[in-house]
Amino acid sequence: AFMTKELGYPPSLIANEMSISLNGTSKRCDSVV
């Protein structure tokens, strides 16, 4: 909310719980901009 309301981050360009593949294992990033 701070990022979108105060810092001008477009909500559509923030992903929560983003899955990434790392050395063949799946990890979750809390938020990716």
PDB file of all heavy atoms in Angstrom:
ATOM      1  N   ALA A   1       0.846  -1.209   0.000  1.00  0.00           N
ATOM      2  CA  ALA A   1       0.000   0.000   0.000  1.00  0.00           C
ATOM      3  C   ALA A   1       0.877   1.254   0.000  1.00  0.00           C
ATOM      4  O   ALA A   1       0.609   2.222  -0.719  1.00  0.00           O
ATOM      5  CB  ALA A   1      -0.933  -0.005   1.219  1.00  0.00           C
ATOM      6  N   PHE A   2       1.946   1.222   0.794  1.00  0.00           N
ATOM      7  CA  PHE A   2       2.912   2.331   0.845  1.00  0.00           C
ATOM      8  C   PHE A   2       3.538   2.532  -0.544  1.00  0.00           C
ATOM      9  O   PHE A   2       3.649   3.664  -1.038  1.00  0.00           O
ATOM     10  CB  PHE A   2       3.969   1.991   1.896  1.00  0.00           C
ATOM     11  CG  PHE A   2       5.200   2.860   1.881  1.00  0.00           C
ATOM     12  CD1 PHE A   2       5.121   4.227   2.111  1.00  0.00           C
ATOM     13  CD2 PHE A   2       6.454   2.298   1.662  1.00  0.00           C
ATOM     14  CE1 PHE A   2       6.268   5.022   2.114  1.00  0.00           C
ATOM     15  CE2 PHE A   2       7.597   3.088   1.660  1.00  0.00           C
ATOM     16  CZ  PHE A   2       7.504   4.444   1.882  1.00  0.00           C
ATOM     17  N   MET A   3       3.920   1.442  -1.190  1.00  0.00           N
ATOM     18  CA  MET A   3       4.545   1.540  -2.515  1.00  0.00           C
ATOM     19  C   MET A   3       3.590   2.131  -3.550  1.00  0.00           C
ATOM     20  O   MET A   3       3.975   2.983  -4.347  1.00  0.00           O
ATOM     21  CB  MET A   3       5.038   0.165  -2.971  1.00  0.00           C
ATOM     22  CG  MET A   3       6.230  -0.340  -2.174  1.00  0.00           C
ATOM     23  SD  MET A   3       6.660  -2.053  -2.580  1.00  0.00           S
ATOM     24  CE  MET A   3       7.476  -1.811  -4.163  1.00  0.00           C
ATOM     25  N   THR A   4       2.333   1.664  -3.535  1.00  0.00           N
ATOM     26  CA  THR A   4       1.393   2.127  -4.560  1.00  0.00           C
ATOM     27  C   THR A   4       0.866   3.527  -4.253  1.00  0.00           C
ATOM     28  O   THR A   4       0.784   4.362  -5.139  1.00  0.00           O
ATOM     29  CB  THR A   4       0.213   1.141  -4.717  1.00  0.00           C
ATOM     30  OG1 THR A   4      -0.415   0.943  -3.455  1.00  0.00           O
ATOM     31  CG2 THR A   4       0.690  -0.200  -5.258  1.00  0.00           C
ATOM     32  N   LYS A   5       0.550   3.794  -2.976  1.00  0.00           N
ATOM     33  CA  LYS A   5      -0.078   5.080  -2.650  1.00  0.00           C
ATOM     34  C   LYS A   5       0.919   6.218  -2.473  1.00  0.00           C
ATOM     35  O   LYS A   5       0.653   7.348  -2.860  1.00  0.00           O
ATOM     36  CB  LYS A   5      -0.955   4.929  -1.408  1.00  0.00           C
ATOM     37  CG  LYS A   5      -2.096   3.958  -1.677  1.00  0.00           C
ATOM     38  CD  LYS A   5      -3.143   3.956  -0.605  1.00  0.00           C
ATOM     39  CE  LYS A   5      -4.376   3.168  -0.999  1.00  0.00           C
ATOM     40  NZ  LYS A   5      -4.083   1.854  -1.608  1.00  0.00           N
ATOM     41  N   GLU A   6       2.077   5.929  -1.866  1.00  0.00           N
ATOM     42  CA  GLU A   6       3.028   7.001  -1.565  1.00  0.00           C
ATOM     43  C   GLU A   6       4.163   7.105  -2.581  1.00  0.00           C
ATOM     44  O   GLU A   6       4.688   8.174  -2.815  1.00  0.00           O
ATOM     45  CB  GLU A   6       3.653   6.794  -0.178  1.00  0.00           C
ATOM     46  CG  GLU A   6       2.671   6.424   0.915  1.00  0.00           C
ATOM     47  CD  GLU A   6       2.083   7.647   1.602  1.00  0.00           C
ATOM     48  OE1 GLU A   6       2.794   8.653   1.707  1.00  0.00           O
ATOM     49  OE2 GLU A   6       0.912   7.567   2.012  1.00  0.00           O
ATOM     50  N   LEU A   7       4.549   5.968  -3.149  1.00  0.00           N
ATOM     51  CA  LEU A   7       5.743   5.968  -4.004  1.00  0.00           C
ATOM     52  C   LEU A   7       5.417   5.817  -5.499  1.00  0.00           C
ATOM     53  O   LEU A   7       6.327   5.752  -6.317  1.00  0.00           O
ATOM     54  CB  LEU A   7       6.712   4.850  -3.566  1.00  0.00           C
ATOM     55  CG  LEU A   7       7.249   4.959  -2.131  1.00  0.00           C
ATOM     56  CD1 LEU A   7       8.147   3.772  -1.815  1.00  0.00           C
ATOM     57  CD2 LEU A   7       8.013   6.268  -1.939  1.00  0.00           C
ATOM     58  N   GLY A   8       4.141   5.737  -5.825  1.00  0.00           N
ATOM     59  CA  GLY A   8       3.741   5.742  -7.229  1.00  0.00           C
ATOM     60  C   GLY A   8       3.963   4.450  -7.994  1.00  0.00           C
ATOM     61  O   GLY A   8       4.041   4.458  -9.223  1.00  0.00           O
ATOM     62  N   TYR A   9       4.057   3.325  -7.295  1.00  0.00           N
ATOM     63  CA  TYR A   9       4.210   2.042  -7.999  1.00  0.00           C
ATOM     64  C   TYR A   9       2.859   1.622  -8.572  1.00  0.00           C
ATOM     65  O   TYR A   9       1.874   1.594  -7.835  1.00  0.00           O
ATOM     66  CB  TYR A   9       4.717   0.956  -7.046  1.00  0.00           C
ATOM     67  CG  TYR A   9       6.183   1.079  -6.711  1.00  0.00           C
ATOM     68  CD1 TYR A   9       6.643   2.068  -5.850  1.00  0.00           C
ATOM     69  CD2 TYR A   9       7.118   0.220  -7.268  1.00  0.00           C
ATOM     70  CE1 TYR A   9       7.994   2.195  -5.548  1.00  0.00           C
ATOM     71  CE2 TYR A   9       8.474   0.343  -6.966  1.00  0.00           C
ATOM     72  CZ  TYR A   9       8.898   1.330  -6.113  1.00  0.00           C
ATOM     73  OH  TYR A   9      10.228   1.456  -5.827  1.00  0.00           O
ATOM     74  N   PRO A  10       2.793   1.314  -9.875  1.00  0.00           N
ATOM     75  CA  PRO A  10       1.518   0.851 -10.430  1.00  0.00           C
ATOM     76  C   PRO A  10       1.170  -0.530  -9.855  1.00  0.00           C
ATOM     77  O   PRO A  10       1.975  -1.451  -9.953  1.00  0.00           O
ATOM     78  CB  PRO A  10       1.792   0.742 -11.937  1.00  0.00           C
ATOM     79  CG  PRO A  10       3.066   1.508 -12.173  1.00  0.00           C
ATOM     80  CD  PRO A  10       3.839   1.422 -10.893  1.00  0.00           C
ATOM     81  N   PRO A  11      -0.025  -0.674  -9.259  1.00  0.00           N
ATOM     82  CA  PRO A  11      -0.403  -1.973  -8.689  1.00  0.00           C
ATOM     83  C   PRO A  11      -0.299  -3.115  -9.709  1.00  0.00           C
ATOM     84  O   PRO A  11       0.041  -4.234  -9.348  1.00  0.00           O
ATOM     85  CB  PRO A  11      -1.853  -1.766  -8.240  1.00  0.00           C
ATOM     86  CG  PRO A  11      -1.992  -0.291  -8.061  1.00  0.00           C
ATOM     87  CD  PRO A  11      -1.056   0.350  -9.031  1.00  0.00           C
ATOM     88  N   SER A  12      -0.555  -2.807 -10.962  1.00  0.00           N
ATOM     89  CA  SER A  12      -0.519  -3.855 -11.991  1.00  0.00           C
ATOM     90  C   SER A  12       0.891  -4.368 -12.258  1.00  0.00           C
ATOM     91  O   SER A  12       1.073  -5.391 -12.911  1.00  0.00           O
ATOM     92  CB  SER A  12      -1.120  -3.323 -13.295  1.00  0.00           C
ATOM     93  OG  SER A  12      -0.376  -2.194 -13.728  1.00  0.00           O
ATOM     94  N   LEU A  13       1.912  -3.651 -11.754  1.00  0.00           N
ATOM     95  CA  LEU A  13       3.296  -4.065 -11.996  1.00  0.00           C
ATOM     96  C   LEU A  13       3.966  -4.633 -10.734  1.00  0.00           C
ATOM     97  O   LEU A  13       5.179  -4.769 -10.669  1.00  0.00           O
ATOM     98  CB  LEU A  13       4.115  -2.887 -12.560  1.00  0.00           C
ATOM     99  CG  LEU A  13       3.676  -2.426 -13.954  1.00  0.00           C
ATOM    100  CD1 LEU A  13       4.500  -1.228 -14.418  1.00  0.00           C
ATOM    101  CD2 LEU A  13       3.765  -3.554 -14.975  1.00  0.00           C
ATOM    102  N   ILE A  14       3.142  -4.963  -9.735  1.00  0.00           N
ATOM    103  CA  ILE A  14       3.660  -5.635  -8.538  1.00  0.00           C
ATOM    104  C   ILE A  14       3.002  -7.006  -8.460  1.00  0.00           C
ATOM    105  O   ILE A  14       1.773  -7.111  -8.517  1.00  0.00           O
ATOM    106  CB  ILE A  14       3.338  -4.866  -7.237  1.00  0.00           C
ATOM    107  CG1 ILE A  14       3.867  -3.431  -7.307  1.00  0.00           C
ATOM    108  CG2 ILE A  14       3.943  -5.585  -6.020  1.00  0.00           C
ATOM    109  CD1 ILE A  14       3.452  -2.574  -6.114  1.00  0.00           C
ATOM    110  N   ALA A  15       3.804  -8.050  -8.346  1.00  0.00           N
ATOM    111  CA  ALA A  15       3.270  -9.408  -8.209  1.00  0.00           C
ATOM    112  C   ALA A  15       3.600  -9.930  -6.821  1.00  0.00           C
ATOM    113  O   ALA A  15       4.744  -9.863  -6.389  1.00  0.00           O
ATOM    114  CB  ALA A  15       3.869 -10.319  -9.272  1.00  0.00           C
ATOM    115  N   ASN A  16       2.596 -10.428  -6.114  1.00  0.00           N
ATOM    116  CA  ASN A  16       2.802 -11.032  -4.798  1.00  0.00           C
ATOM    117  C   ASN A  16       2.912 -12.545  -4.923  1.00  0.00           C
ATOM    118  O   ASN A  16       2.218 -13.156  -5.733  1.00  0.00           O
ATOM    119  CB  ASN A  16       1.643 -10.679  -3.862  1.00  0.00           C
ATOM    120  CG  ASN A  16       1.771  -9.276  -3.295  1.00  0.00           C
ATOM    121  OD1 ASN A  16       2.855  -8.695  -3.316  1.00  0.00           O
ATOM    122  ND2 ASN A  16       0.677  -8.733  -2.792  1.00  0.00           N
ATOM    123  N   GLU A  17       3.789 -13.129  -4.109  1.00  0.00           N
ATOM    124  CA  GLU A  17       3.977 -14.579  -4.093  1.00  0.00           C
ATOM    125  C   GLU A  17       4.336 -15.097  -5.478  1.00  0.00           C
ATOM    126  O   GLU A  17       3.698 -15.996  -6.016  1.00  0.00           O
ATOM    127  CB  GLU A  17       2.690 -15.276  -3.598  1.00  0.00           C
ATOM    128  CG  GLU A  17       2.387 -15.028  -2.156  1.00  0.00           C
ATOM    129  CD  GLU A  17       3.154 -15.948  -1.223  1.00  0.00           C
ATOM    130  OE1 GLU A  17       2.971 -17.160  -1.296  1.00  0.00           O
ATOM    131  OE2 GLU A  17       3.964 -15.437  -0.440  1.00  0.00           O
ATOM    132  N   MET A  18       5.351 -14.510  -6.032  1.00  0.00           N
ATOM    133  CA  MET A  18       5.784 -14.833  -7.381  1.00  0.00           C
ATOM    134  C   MET A  18       6.657 -16.089  -7.343  1.00  0.00           C
ATOM    135  O   MET A  18       7.654 -16.117  -6.630  1.00  0.00           O
ATOM    136  CB  MET A  18       6.607 -13.620  -7.824  1.00  0.00           C
ATOM    137  CG  MET A  18       6.975 -13.515  -9.242  1.00  0.00           C
ATOM    138  SD  MET A  18       5.572 -13.577 -10.315  1.00  0.00           S
ATOM    139  CE  MET A  18       6.414 -14.346 -11.658  1.00  0.00           C
ATOM    140  N   SER A  19       6.280 -17.109  -8.085  1.00  0.00           N
ATOM    141  CA  SER A  19       7.104 -18.324  -8.128  1.00  0.00           C
ATOM    142  C   SER A  19       8.239 -18.163  -9.125  1.00  0.00           C
ATOM    143  O   SER A  19       8.025 -17.691 -10.238  1.00  0.00           O
ATOM    144  CB  SER A  19       6.256 -19.525  -8.540  1.00  0.00           C
ATOM    145  OG  SER A  19       5.433 -19.904  -7.480  1.00  0.00           O
ATOM    146  N   ILE A  20       9.429 -18.539  -8.691  1.00  0.00           N
ATOM    147  CA  ILE A  20      10.571 -18.516  -9.608  1.00  0.00           C
ATOM    148  C   ILE A  20      11.251 -19.874  -9.541  1.00  0.00           C
ATOM    149  O   ILE A  20      11.116 -20.604  -8.561  1.00  0.00           O
ATOM    150  CB  ILE A  20      11.595 -17.407  -9.245  1.00  0.00           C
ATOM    151  CG1 ILE A  20      12.130 -17.594  -7.817  1.00  0.00           C
ATOM    152  CG2 ILE A  20      11.002 -16.031  -9.448  1.00  0.00           C
ATOM    153  CD1 ILE A  20      13.343 -16.744  -7.499  1.00  0.00           C
ATOM    154  N   SER A  21      11.962 -20.199 -10.589  1.00  0.00           N
ATOM    155  CA  SER A  21      12.692 -21.451 -10.615  1.00  0.00           C
ATOM    156  C   SER A  21      14.160 -21.155 -10.354  1.00  0.00           C
ATOM    157  O   SER A  21      14.761 -20.302 -11.000  1.00  0.00           O
ATOM    158  CB  SER A  21      12.511 -22.108 -11.978  1.00  0.00           C
ATOM    159  OG  SER A  21      13.311 -23.262 -12.043  1.00  0.00           O
ATOM    160  N   LEU A  22      14.716 -21.836  -9.361  1.00  0.00           N
ATOM    161  CA  LEU A  22      16.095 -21.590  -8.957  1.00  0.00           C
ATOM    162  C   LEU A  22      16.814 -22.923  -8.856  1.00  0.00           C
ATOM    163  O   LEU A  22      16.473 -23.750  -8.008  1.00  0.00           O
ATOM    164  CB  LEU A  22      16.090 -20.874  -7.605  1.00  0.00           C
ATOM    165  CG  LEU A  22      17.365 -20.192  -7.148  1.00  0.00           C
ATOM    166  CD1 LEU A  22      17.815 -19.136  -8.147  1.00  0.00           C
ATOM    167  CD2 LEU A  22      17.139 -19.546  -5.788  1.00  0.00           C
ATOM    168  N   ASN A  23      17.776 -23.134  -9.745  1.00  0.00           N
ATOM    169  CA  ASN A  23      18.507 -24.410  -9.766  1.00  0.00           C
ATOM    170  C   ASN A  23      17.552 -25.602  -9.731  1.00  0.00           C
ATOM    171  O   ASN A  23      17.741 -26.542  -8.967  1.00  0.00           O
ATOM    172  CB  ASN A  23      19.478 -24.510  -8.574  1.00  0.00           C
ATOM    173  CG  ASN A  23      20.426 -23.336  -8.520  1.00  0.00           C
ATOM    174  OD1 ASN A  23      20.792 -22.782  -9.552  1.00  0.00           O
ATOM    175  ND2 ASN A  23      20.808 -22.936  -7.325  1.00  0.00           N
ATOM    176  N   GLY A  24      16.506 -25.519 -10.518  1.00  0.00           N
ATOM    177  CA  GLY A  24      15.573 -26.638 -10.609  1.00  0.00           C
ATOM    178  C   GLY A  24      14.573 -26.748  -9.478  1.00  0.00           C
ATOM    179  O   GLY A  24      13.727 -27.627  -9.478  1.00  0.00           O
ATOM    180  N   THR A  25      14.644 -25.859  -8.493  1.00  0.00           N
ATOM    181  CA  THR A  25      13.635 -25.877  -7.433  1.00  0.00           C
ATOM    182  C   THR A  25      12.771 -24.634  -7.535  1.00  0.00           C
ATOM    183  O   THR A  25      13.213 -23.598  -8.030  1.00  0.00           O
ATOM    184  CB  THR A  25      14.268 -25.932  -6.020  1.00  0.00           C
ATOM    185  OG1 THR A  25      15.037 -24.749  -5.830  1.00  0.00           O
ATOM    186  CG2 THR A  25      15.138 -27.159  -5.839  1.00  0.00           C
ATOM    187  N   SER A  26      11.544 -24.754  -7.075  1.00  0.00           N
ATOM    188  CA  SER A  26      10.621 -23.628  -7.134  1.00  0.00           C
ATOM    189  C   SER A  26      10.703 -22.843  -5.831  1.00  0.00           C
ATOM    190  O   SER A  26      10.607 -23.416  -4.747  1.00  0.00           O
ATOM    191  CB  SER A  26       9.209 -24.152  -7.363  1.00  0.00           C
ATOM    192  OG  SER A  26       8.315 -23.077  -7.394  1.00  0.00           O
ATOM    193  N   LYS A  27      10.900 -21.534  -5.930  1.00  0.00           N
ATOM    194  CA  LYS A  27      10.949 -20.652  -4.755  1.00  0.00           C
ATOM    195  C   LYS A  27       9.884 -19.581  -4.942  1.00  0.00           C
ATOM    196  O   LYS A  27       9.463 -19.305  -6.062  1.00  0.00           O
ATOM    197  CB  LYS A  27      12.317 -19.973  -4.641  1.00  0.00           C
ATOM    198  CG  LYS A  27      13.478 -20.941  -4.504  1.00  0.00           C
ATOM    199  CD  LYS A  27      13.610 -21.423  -3.083  1.00  0.00           C
ATOM    200  CE  LYS A  27      14.841 -22.289  -2.925  1.00  0.00           C
ATOM    201  NZ  LYS A  27      14.628 -23.334  -1.937  1.00  0.00           N
ATOM    202  N   ARG A  28       9.493 -18.969  -3.832  1.00  0.00           N
ATOM    203  CA  ARG A  28       8.499 -17.903  -3.912  1.00  0.00           C
ATOM    204  C   ARG A  28       9.107 -16.585  -3.457  1.00  0.00           C
ATOM    205  O   ARG A  28       9.626 -16.505  -2.360  1.00  0.00           O
ATOM    206  CB  ARG A  28       7.328 -18.215  -2.996  1.00  0.00           C
ATOM    207  CG  ARG A  28       6.255 -19.054  -3.614  1.00  0.00           C
ATOM    208  CD  ARG A  28       5.078 -19.153  -2.654  1.00  0.00           C
ATOM    209  NE  ARG A  28       3.796 -19.003  -3.297  1.00  0.00           N
ATOM    210  CZ  ARG A  28       3.294 -19.881  -4.142  1.00  0.00           C
ATOM    211  NH1 ARG A  28       3.968 -20.939  -4.470  1.00  0.00           N
ATOM    212  NH2 ARG A  28       2.105 -19.679  -4.678  1.00  0.00           N
ATOM    213  N   CYS A  29       8.997 -15.569  -4.288  1.00  0.00           N
ATOM    214  CA  CYS A  29       9.380 -14.211  -3.875  1.00  0.00           C
ATOM    215  C   CYS A  29       8.142 -13.560  -3.271  1.00  0.00           C
ATOM    216  O   CYS A  29       7.052 -13.670  -3.824  1.00  0.00           O
ATOM    217  CB  CYS A  29       9.837 -13.388  -5.074  1.00  0.00           C
ATOM    218  SG  CYS A  29      11.356 -13.987  -5.812  1.00  0.00           S
ATOM    219  N   ASP A  30       8.313 -12.836  -2.171  1.00  0.00           N
ATOM    220  CA  ASP A  30       7.159 -12.207  -1.528  1.00  0.00           C
ATOM    221  C   ASP A  30       6.496 -11.188  -2.452  1.00  0.00           C
ATOM    222  O   ASP A  30       5.291 -11.222  -2.658  1.00  0.00           O
ATOM    223  CB  ASP A  30       7.573 -11.564  -0.211  1.00  0.00           C
ATOM    224  CG  ASP A  30       7.872 -12.624   0.852  1.00  0.00           C
ATOM    225  OD1 ASP A  30       7.436 -13.777   0.686  1.00  0.00           O
ATOM    226  OD2 ASP A  30       8.541 -12.297   1.844  1.00  0.00           O
ATOM    227  N   SER A  31       7.277 -10.266  -3.001  1.00  0.00           N
ATOM    228  CA  SER A  31       6.753  -9.339  -4.016  1.00  0.00           C
ATOM    229  C   SER A  31       7.840  -9.102  -5.055  1.00  0.00           C
ATOM    230  O   SER A  31       9.022  -9.024  -4.703  1.00  0.00           O
ATOM    231  CB  SER A  31       6.350  -7.983  -3.413  1.00  0.00           C
ATOM    232  OG  SER A  31       5.274  -8.117  -2.507  1.00  0.00           O
ATOM    233  N   VAL A  32       7.426  -8.989  -6.306  1.00  0.00           N
ATOM    234  CA  VAL A  32       8.351  -8.622  -7.383  1.00  0.00           C
ATOM    235  C   VAL A  32       7.742  -7.429  -8.108  1.00  0.00           C
ATOM    236  O   VAL A  32       6.547  -7.427  -8.419  1.00  0.00           O
ATOM    237  CB  VAL A  32       8.570  -9.797  -8.374  1.00  0.00           C
ATOM    238  CG1 VAL A  32       9.471  -9.369  -9.528  1.00  0.00           C
ATOM    239  CG2 VAL A  32       9.163 -11.007  -7.661  1.00  0.00           C
ATOM    240  N   VAL A  33       8.573  -6.409  -8.344  1.00  0.00           N
ATOM    241  CA  VAL A  33       8.129  -5.216  -9.076  1.00  0.00           C
ATOM    242  C   VAL A  33       8.697  -5.291 -10.487  1.00  0.00           C
ATOM    243  O   VAL A  33       9.865  -5.630 -10.677  1.00  0.00           O
ATOM    244  CB  VAL A  33       8.627  -3.924  -8.380  1.00  0.00           C
ATOM    245  CG1 VAL A  33       8.241  -2.691  -9.195  1.00  0.00           C
ATOM    246  CG2 VAL A  33       8.076  -3.837  -6.963  1.00  0.00           C
TER     247      VAL A  33
END
